[in-house]
Amino acid sequence: MRVVCVYRDNQDYSRSVNEWLEAFKRQTGKELEIVDPDREPNFCEVYDIVEYPTIIAIGNMGDVRAIWRGRDLPLINDVSYYVL
C-alpha cells in the first residue's frame, strides 16, 4: 500500500501540511511519499486530483482506498491505518 501527500510547496497552506507531515512522522515513525503536482501532472490526472493538499491511499493494484482533500487535514490515526 502506498500513501501519498500531493501538494505544492510555498503556498498559503504549505506550513500546515509540513507541520502535519512532521507530526505524522513523530507519531508513527513513517514518512508519506510527497508528490508535487507541477512535477508529476500524470499522477494527478490518473487519480483525478485537482484540489491541494490531497492525501491518497493507493492499494497494490493502483486502486484508491481512501482520499482526503482540502485544507482540513485528516486525523493522523485515520491515515496511519493505511501506512502500518
PDB file of N, CA and C in Angstrom:
ATOM      1  N   MET A   1       0.849  -1.168   0.000  1.00  0.00           N
ATOM      2  CA  MET A   1       0.000   0.000   0.000  1.00  0.00           C
ATOM      3  C   MET A   1       0.901   1.239   0.000  1.00  0.00           C
ATOM      4  N   ARG A   2       0.403   2.232  -0.662  1.00  0.00           N
ATOM      5  CA  ARG A   2       1.165   3.465  -0.834  1.00  0.00           C
ATOM      6  C   ARG A   2       0.280   4.638  -0.402  1.00  0.00           C
ATOM      7  N   VAL A   3       0.827   5.523   0.429  1.00  0.00           N
ATOM      8  CA  VAL A   3       0.096   6.711   0.850  1.00  0.00           C
ATOM      9  C   VAL A   3       0.888   7.926   0.401  1.00  0.00           C
ATOM     10  N   VAL A   4       0.224   8.805  -0.336  1.00  0.00           N
ATOM     11  CA  VAL A   4       0.891   9.932  -0.983  1.00  0.00           C
ATOM     12  C   VAL A   4       0.231  11.232  -0.556  1.00  0.00           C
ATOM     13  N   CYS A   5       1.055  12.214  -0.272  1.00  0.00           N
ATOM     14  CA  CYS A   5       0.569  13.572   0.010  1.00  0.00           C
ATOM     15  C   CYS A   5       0.901  14.424  -1.213  1.00  0.00           C
ATOM     16  N   VAL A   6      -0.125  14.988  -1.832  1.00  0.00           N
ATOM     17  CA  VAL A   6       0.048  15.799  -3.035  1.00  0.00           C
ATOM     18  C   VAL A   6      -0.210  17.252  -2.657  1.00  0.00           C
ATOM     19  N   TYR A   7       0.833  18.076  -2.787  1.00  0.00           N
ATOM     20  CA  TYR A   7       0.667  19.499  -2.509  1.00  0.00           C
ATOM     21  C   TYR A   7       1.791  20.290  -3.144  1.00  0.00           C
ATOM     22  N   ARG A   8       1.523  21.581  -3.292  1.00  0.00           N
ATOM     23  CA  ARG A   8       2.539  22.496  -3.817  1.00  0.00           C
ATOM     24  C   ARG A   8       3.219  23.190  -2.646  1.00  0.00           C
ATOM     25  N   ASP A   9       4.528  23.259  -2.702  1.00  0.00           N
ATOM     26  CA  ASP A   9       5.274  23.972  -1.676  1.00  0.00           C
ATOM     27  C   ASP A   9       5.146  25.478  -1.926  1.00  0.00           C
ATOM     28  N   ASN A  10       5.399  26.262  -0.915  1.00  0.00           N
ATOM     29  CA  ASN A  10       5.344  27.724  -0.987  1.00  0.00           C
ATOM     30  C   ASN A  10       3.950  28.251  -1.317  1.00  0.00           C
ATOM     31  N   GLN A  11       2.939  27.610  -0.754  1.00  0.00           N
ATOM     32  CA  GLN A  11       1.558  28.075  -0.853  1.00  0.00           C
ATOM     33  C   GLN A  11       1.099  28.478   0.543  1.00  0.00           C
ATOM     34  N   ASP A  12      -0.043  29.109   0.640  1.00  0.00           N
ATOM     35  CA  ASP A  12      -0.511  29.539   1.950  1.00  0.00           C
ATOM     36  C   ASP A  12      -0.829  28.369   2.886  1.00  0.00           C
ATOM     37  N   TYR A  13      -1.075  27.187   2.365  1.00  0.00           N
ATOM     38  CA  TYR A  13      -1.372  26.013   3.181  1.00  0.00           C
ATOM     39  C   TYR A  13      -0.138  25.154   3.461  1.00  0.00           C
ATOM     40  N   SER A  14       1.004  25.470   2.860  1.00  0.00           N
ATOM     41  CA  SER A  14       2.188  24.606   2.944  1.00  0.00           C
ATOM     42  C   SER A  14       2.689  24.417   4.363  1.00  0.00           C
ATOM     43  N   ARG A  15       2.645  25.464   5.156  1.00  0.00           N
ATOM     44  CA  ARG A  15       3.149  25.355   6.534  1.00  0.00           C
ATOM     45  C   ARG A  15       2.339  24.335   7.330  1.00  0.00           C
ATOM     46  N   SER A  16       1.015  24.391   7.210  1.00  0.00           N
ATOM     47  CA  SER A  16       0.195  23.449   7.971  1.00  0.00           C
ATOM     48  C   SER A  16       0.411  22.012   7.480  1.00  0.00           C
ATOM     49  N   VAL A  17       0.617  21.834   6.180  1.00  0.00           N
ATOM     50  CA  VAL A  17       0.887  20.495   5.646  1.00  0.00           C
ATOM     51  C   VAL A  17       2.224  19.979   6.162  1.00  0.00           C
ATOM     52  N   ASN A  18       3.251  20.816   6.130  1.00  0.00           N
ATOM     53  CA  ASN A  18       4.570  20.397   6.621  1.00  0.00           C
ATOM     54  C   ASN A  18       4.526  20.053   8.105  1.00  0.00           C
ATOM     55  N   GLU A  19       3.795  20.835   8.891  1.00  0.00           N
ATOM     56  CA  GLU A  19       3.659  20.536  10.321  1.00  0.00           C
ATOM     57  C   GLU A  19       2.916  19.219  10.524  1.00  0.00           C
ATOM     58  N   TRP A  20       1.874  18.977   9.722  1.00  0.00           N
ATOM     59  CA  TRP A  20       1.124  17.721   9.825  1.00  0.00           C
ATOM     60  C   TRP A  20       2.023  16.545   9.467  1.00  0.00           C
ATOM     61  N   LEU A  21       2.816  16.688   8.399  1.00  0.00           N
ATOM     62  CA  LEU A  21       3.719  15.609   7.985  1.00  0.00           C
ATOM     63  C   LEU A  21       4.768  15.311   9.062  1.00  0.00           C
ATOM     64  N   GLU A  22       5.284  16.354   9.701  1.00  0.00           N
ATOM     65  CA  GLU A  22       6.249  16.157  10.793  1.00  0.00           C
ATOM     66  C   GLU A  22       5.596  15.449  11.976  1.00  0.00           C
ATOM     67  N   ALA A  23       4.389  15.854  12.335  1.00  0.00           N
ATOM     68  CA  ALA A  23       3.669  15.202  13.428  1.00  0.00           C
ATOM     69  C   ALA A  23       3.380  13.746  13.078  1.00  0.00           C
ATOM     70  N   PHE A  24       3.034  13.477  11.835  1.00  0.00           N
ATOM     71  CA  PHE A  24       2.779  12.108  11.392  1.00  0.00           C
ATOM     72  C   PHE A  24       4.032  11.261  11.560  1.00  0.00           C
ATOM     73  N   LYS A  25       5.162  11.790  11.161  1.00  0.00           N
ATOM     74  CA  LYS A  25       6.418  11.045  11.280  1.00  0.00           C
ATOM     75  C   LYS A  25       6.775  10.799  12.748  1.00  0.00           C
ATOM     76  N   ARG A  26       6.580  11.821  13.596  1.00  0.00           N
ATOM     77  CA  ARG A  26       6.866  11.674  15.025  1.00  0.00           C
ATOM     78  C   ARG A  26       5.992  10.599  15.666  1.00  0.00           C
ATOM     79  N   GLN A  27       4.709  10.591  15.327  1.00  0.00           N
ATOM     80  CA  GLN A  27       3.777   9.674  15.981  1.00  0.00           C
ATOM     81  C   GLN A  27       3.833   8.257  15.437  1.00  0.00           C
ATOM     82  N   THR A  28       4.144   8.104  14.159  1.00  0.00           N
ATOM     83  CA  THR A  28       4.103   6.769  13.551  1.00  0.00           C
ATOM     84  C   THR A  28       5.478   6.211  13.209  1.00  0.00           C
ATOM     85  N   GLY A  29       6.455   7.082  13.081  1.00  0.00           N
ATOM     86  CA  GLY A  29       7.777   6.639  12.655  1.00  0.00           C
ATOM     87  C   GLY A  29       7.855   6.402  11.149  1.00  0.00           C
ATOM     88  N   LYS A  30       6.804   6.749  10.422  1.00  0.00           N
ATOM     89  CA  LYS A  30       6.747   6.548   8.967  1.00  0.00           C
ATOM     90  C   LYS A  30       6.651   7.892   8.251  1.00  0.00           C
ATOM     91  N   GLU A  31       7.136   7.919   7.028  1.00  0.00           N
ATOM     92  CA  GLU A  31       7.035   9.118   6.200  1.00  0.00           C
ATOM     93  C   GLU A  31       6.121   8.834   5.022  1.00  0.00           C
ATOM     94  N   LEU A  32       5.337   9.835   4.660  1.00  0.00           N
ATOM     95  CA  LEU A  32       4.488   9.711   3.483  1.00  0.00           C
ATOM     96  C   LEU A  32       5.266  10.131   2.250  1.00  0.00           C
ATOM     97  N   GLU A  33       4.926   9.535   1.147  1.00  0.00           N
ATOM     98  CA  GLU A  33       5.501   9.949  -0.134  1.00  0.00           C
ATOM     99  C   GLU A  33       4.889  11.303  -0.494  1.00  0.00           C
ATOM    100  N   ILE A  34       5.709  12.205  -0.995  1.00  0.00           N
ATOM    101  CA  ILE A  34       5.242  13.544  -1.362  1.00  0.00           C
ATOM    102  C   ILE A  34       5.335  13.707  -2.871  1.00  0.00           C
ATOM    103  N   VAL A  35       4.260  14.219  -3.461  1.00  0.00           N
ATOM    104  CA  VAL A  35       4.213  14.453  -4.899  1.00  0.00           C
ATOM    105  C   VAL A  35       3.888  15.925  -5.129  1.00  0.00           C
ATOM    106  N   ASP A  36       4.691  16.563  -5.965  1.00  0.00           N
ATOM    107  CA  ASP A  36       4.425  17.936  -6.400  1.00  0.00           C
ATOM    108  C   ASP A  36       3.616  17.844  -7.693  1.00  0.00           C
ATOM    109  N   PRO A  37       2.407  18.389  -7.718  1.00  0.00           N
ATOM    110  CA  PRO A  37       1.567  18.249  -8.913  1.00  0.00           C
ATOM    111  C   PRO A  37       2.151  18.913 -10.153  1.00  0.00           C
ATOM    112  N   ASP A  38       3.047  19.876  -9.981  1.00  0.00           N
ATOM    113  CA  ASP A  38       3.676  20.513 -11.133  1.00  0.00           C
ATOM    114  C   ASP A  38       4.751  19.631 -11.754  1.00  0.00           C
ATOM    115  N   ARG A  39       5.357  18.773 -10.940  1.00  0.00           N
ATOM    116  CA  ARG A  39       6.409  17.885 -11.444  1.00  0.00           C
ATOM    117  C   ARG A  39       5.861  16.549 -11.930  1.00  0.00           C
ATOM    118  N   GLU A  40       4.724  16.143 -11.382  1.00  0.00           N
ATOM    119  CA  GLU A  40       4.127  14.860 -11.768  1.00  0.00           C
ATOM    120  C   GLU A  40       2.648  15.036 -12.104  1.00  0.00           C
ATOM    121  N   PRO A  41       2.354  15.767 -13.163  1.00  0.00           N
ATOM    122  CA  PRO A  41       0.941  16.003 -13.510  1.00  0.00           C
ATOM    123  C   PRO A  41       0.196  14.729 -13.919  1.00  0.00           C
ATOM    124  N   ASN A  42       0.913  13.747 -14.442  1.00  0.00           N
ATOM    125  CA  ASN A  42       0.257  12.489 -14.838  1.00  0.00           C
ATOM    126  C   ASN A  42      -0.332  11.763 -13.640  1.00  0.00           C
ATOM    127  N   PHE A  43       0.385  11.794 -12.518  1.00  0.00           N
ATOM    128  CA  PHE A  43      -0.119  11.160 -11.293  1.00  0.00           C
ATOM    129  C   PHE A  43      -1.449  11.794 -10.895  1.00  0.00           C
ATOM    130  N   CYS A  44      -1.504  13.114 -10.922  1.00  0.00           N
ATOM    131  CA  CYS A  44      -2.729  13.830 -10.547  1.00  0.00           C
ATOM    132  C   CYS A  44      -3.861  13.558 -11.534  1.00  0.00           C
ATOM    133  N   GLU A  45      -3.521  13.422 -12.784  1.00  0.00           N
ATOM    134  CA  GLU A  45      -4.539  13.147 -13.801  1.00  0.00           C
ATOM    135  C   GLU A  45      -5.125  11.746 -13.630  1.00  0.00           C
ATOM    136  N   VAL A  46      -4.273  10.777 -13.368  1.00  0.00           N
ATOM    137  CA  VAL A  46      -4.732   9.394 -13.208  1.00  0.00           C
ATOM    138  C   VAL A  46      -5.695   9.274 -12.031  1.00  0.00           C
ATOM    139  N   TYR A  47      -5.386   9.949 -10.925  1.00  0.00           N
ATOM    140  CA  TYR A  47      -6.202   9.836  -9.721  1.00  0.00           C
ATOM    141  C   TYR A  47      -7.175  11.009  -9.557  1.00  0.00           C
ATOM    142  N   ASP A  48      -7.313  11.834 -10.594  1.00  0.00           N
ATOM    143  CA  ASP A  48      -8.262  12.948 -10.607  1.00  0.00           C
ATOM    144  C   ASP A  48      -8.089  13.871  -9.404  1.00  0.00           C
ATOM    145  N   ILE A  49      -6.842  14.257  -9.165  1.00  0.00           N
ATOM    146  CA  ILE A  49      -6.531  15.152  -8.052  1.00  0.00           C
ATOM    147  C   ILE A  49      -6.451  16.572  -8.596  1.00  0.00           C
ATOM    148  N   VAL A  50      -7.363  17.414  -8.142  1.00  0.00           N
ATOM    149  CA  VAL A  50      -7.403  18.800  -8.600  1.00  0.00           C
ATOM    150  C   VAL A  50      -7.419  19.782  -7.443  1.00  0.00           C
ATOM    151  N   GLU A  51      -7.493  19.273  -6.219  1.00  0.00           N
ATOM    152  CA  GLU A  51      -7.513  20.118  -5.027  1.00  0.00           C
ATOM    153  C   GLU A  51      -6.310  19.772  -4.161  1.00  0.00           C
ATOM    154  N   TYR A  52      -5.664  20.794  -3.646  1.00  0.00           N
ATOM    155  CA  TYR A  52      -4.453  20.576  -2.838  1.00  0.00           C
ATOM    156  C   TYR A  52      -4.632  21.225  -1.484  1.00  0.00           C
ATOM    157  N   PRO A  53      -4.117  20.624  -0.454  1.00  0.00           N
ATOM    158  CA  PRO A  53      -3.439  19.333  -0.420  1.00  0.00           C
ATOM    159  C   PRO A  53      -4.427  18.174  -0.524  1.00  0.00           C
ATOM    160  N   THR A  54      -3.918  17.059  -1.003  1.00  0.00           N
ATOM    161  CA  THR A  54      -4.672  15.810  -1.057  1.00  0.00           C
ATOM    162  C   THR A  54      -3.786  14.699  -0.519  1.00  0.00           C
ATOM    163  N   ILE A  55      -4.357  13.878   0.321  1.00  0.00           N
ATOM    164  CA  ILE A  55      -3.668  12.677   0.797  1.00  0.00           C
ATOM    165  C   ILE A  55      -4.464  11.500   0.264  1.00  0.00           C
ATOM    166  N   ILE A  56      -3.768  10.588  -0.395  1.00  0.00           N
ATOM    167  CA  ILE A  56      -4.437   9.470  -1.058  1.00  0.00           C
ATOM    168  C   ILE A  56      -3.748   8.158  -0.690  1.00  0.00           C
ATOM    169  N   ALA A  57      -4.563   7.175  -0.329  1.00  0.00           N
ATOM    170  CA  ALA A  57      -4.071   5.820  -0.044  1.00  0.00           C
ATOM    171  C   ALA A  57      -4.379   4.965  -1.262  1.00  0.00           C
ATOM    172  N   ILE A  58      -3.340   4.353  -1.815  1.00  0.00           N
ATOM    173  CA  ILE A  58      -3.455   3.585  -3.053  1.00  0.00           C
ATOM    174  C   ILE A  58      -3.099   2.128  -2.773  1.00  0.00           C
ATOM    175  N   GLY A  59      -3.970   1.218  -3.180  1.00  0.00           N
ATOM    176  CA  GLY A  59      -3.726  -0.207  -2.996  1.00  0.00           C
ATOM    177  C   GLY A  59      -2.655  -0.721  -3.945  1.00  0.00           C
ATOM    178  N   ASN A  60      -2.264  -1.951  -3.757  1.00  0.00           N
ATOM    179  CA  ASN A  60      -1.203  -2.557  -4.566  1.00  0.00           C
ATOM    180  C   ASN A  60      -1.566  -2.672  -6.044  1.00  0.00           C
ATOM    181  N   MET A  61      -2.844  -2.683  -6.370  1.00  0.00           N
ATOM    182  CA  MET A  61      -3.280  -2.769  -7.759  1.00  0.00           C
ATOM    183  C   MET A  61      -3.576  -1.386  -8.353  1.00  0.00           C
ATOM    184  N   GLY A  62      -3.255  -0.327  -7.613  1.00  0.00           N
ATOM    185  CA  GLY A  62      -3.481   1.020  -8.101  1.00  0.00           C
ATOM    186  C   GLY A  62      -4.851   1.583  -7.783  1.00  0.00           C
ATOM    187  N   ASP A  63      -5.630   0.846  -7.013  1.00  0.00           N
ATOM    188  CA  ASP A  63      -6.971   1.309  -6.653  1.00  0.00           C
ATOM    189  C   ASP A  63      -6.917   2.274  -5.475  1.00  0.00           C
ATOM    190  N   VAL A  64      -7.830   3.223  -5.459  1.00  0.00           N
ATOM    191  CA  VAL A  64      -7.892   4.214  -4.388  1.00  0.00           C
ATOM    192  C   VAL A  64      -8.625   3.603  -3.200  1.00  0.00           C
ATOM    193  N   ARG A  65      -7.949   3.544  -2.071  1.00  0.00           N
ATOM    194  CA  ARG A  65      -8.550   3.002  -0.854  1.00  0.00           C
ATOM    195  C   ARG A  65      -9.182   4.100  -0.007  1.00  0.00           C
ATOM    196  N   ALA A  66      -8.533   5.278   0.015  1.00  0.00           N
ATOM    197  CA  ALA A  66      -9.066   6.419   0.771  1.00  0.00           C
ATOM    198  C   ALA A  66      -8.459   7.687   0.195  1.00  0.00           C
ATOM    199  N   ILE A  67      -9.202   8.784   0.342  1.00  0.00           N
ATOM    200  CA  ILE A  67      -8.699  10.059  -0.147  1.00  0.00           C
ATOM    201  C   ILE A  67      -9.230  11.177   0.753  1.00  0.00           C
ATOM    202  N   TRP A  68      -8.345  12.095   1.082  1.00  0.00           N
ATOM    203  CA  TRP A  68      -8.692  13.267   1.874  1.00  0.00           C
ATOM    204  C   TRP A  68      -8.258  14.479   1.081  1.00  0.00           C
ATOM    205  N   ARG A  69      -9.175  15.423   0.869  1.00  0.00           N
ATOM    206  CA  ARG A  69      -8.888  16.590   0.036  1.00  0.00           C
ATOM    207  C   ARG A  69      -9.122  17.870   0.815  1.00  0.00           C
ATOM    208  N   GLY A  70      -8.323  18.871   0.505  1.00  0.00           N
ATOM    209  CA  GLY A  70      -8.538  20.196   1.062  1.00  0.00           C
ATOM    210  C   GLY A  70      -7.708  20.496   2.281  1.00  0.00           C
ATOM    211  N   ARG A  71      -7.891  21.699   2.771  1.00  0.00           N
ATOM    212  CA  ARG A  71      -7.066  22.214   3.865  1.00  0.00           C
ATOM    213  C   ARG A  71      -7.350  21.576   5.212  1.00  0.00           C
ATOM    214  N   ASP A  72      -8.517  20.987   5.379  1.00  0.00           N
ATOM    215  CA  ASP A  72      -8.818  20.292   6.632  1.00  0.00           C
ATOM    216  C   ASP A  72      -8.155  18.923   6.577  1.00  0.00           C
ATOM    217  N   LEU A  73      -6.962  18.851   7.111  1.00  0.00           N
ATOM    218  CA  LEU A  73      -6.184  17.616   7.050  1.00  0.00           C
ATOM    219  C   LEU A  73      -6.806  16.544   7.937  1.00  0.00           C
ATOM    220  N   PRO A  74      -6.666  15.280   7.555  1.00  0.00           N
ATOM    221  CA  PRO A  74      -7.282  14.196   8.319  1.00  0.00           C
ATOM    222  C   PRO A  74      -6.559  13.952   9.636  1.00  0.00           C
ATOM    223  N   LEU A  75      -7.192  13.167  10.486  1.00  0.00           N
ATOM    224  CA  LEU A  75      -6.535  12.749  11.713  1.00  0.00           C
ATOM    225  C   LEU A  75      -5.388  11.814  11.361  1.00  0.00           C
ATOM    226  N   ILE A  76      -4.327  11.904  12.108  1.00  0.00           N
ATOM    227  CA  ILE A  76      -3.156  11.056  11.857  1.00  0.00           C
ATOM    228  C   ILE A  76      -3.530   9.583  11.987  1.00  0.00           C
ATOM    229  N   ASN A  77      -4.388   9.248  12.936  1.00  0.00           N
ATOM    230  CA  ASN A  77      -4.808   7.847  13.104  1.00  0.00           C
ATOM    231  C   ASN A  77      -5.527   7.314  11.872  1.00  0.00           C
ATOM    232  N   ASP A  78      -6.319   8.160  11.224  1.00  0.00           N
ATOM    233  CA  ASP A  78      -7.040   7.722  10.030  1.00  0.00           C
ATOM    234  C   ASP A  78      -6.082   7.346   8.894  1.00  0.00           C
ATOM    235  N   VAL A  79      -5.028   8.119   8.741  1.00  0.00           N
ATOM    236  CA  VAL A  79      -4.055   7.871   7.675  1.00  0.00           C
ATOM    237  C   VAL A  79      -3.110   6.739   8.060  1.00  0.00           C
ATOM    238  N   SER A  80      -2.718   6.682   9.313  1.00  0.00           N
ATOM    239  CA  SER A  80      -1.756   5.667   9.748  1.00  0.00           C
ATOM    240  C   SER A  80      -2.290   4.251   9.548  1.00  0.00           C
ATOM    241  N   TYR A  81      -3.585   4.078   9.543  1.00  0.00           N
ATOM    242  CA  TYR A  81      -4.187   2.762   9.276  1.00  0.00           C
ATOM    243  C   TYR A  81      -3.696   2.203   7.940  1.00  0.00           C
ATOM    244  N   TYR A  82      -3.530   3.072   6.951  1.00  0.00           N
ATOM    245  CA  TYR A  82      -3.124   2.643   5.620  1.00  0.00           C
ATOM    246  C   TYR A  82      -1.614   2.514   5.464  1.00  0.00           C
ATOM    247  N   VAL A  83      -0.867   3.057   6.414  1.00  0.00           N
ATOM    248  CA  VAL A  83       0.594   3.013   6.343  1.00  0.00           C
ATOM    249  C   VAL A  83       1.155   1.826   7.102  1.00  0.00           C
ATOM    250  N   LEU A  84       0.521   1.491   8.215  1.00  0.00           N
ATOM    251  CA  LEU A  84       1.067   0.448   9.106  1.00  0.00           C
ATOM    252  C   LEU A  84       0.679  -0.922   8.715  1.00  0.00           C
TER     253      LEU A  84
END
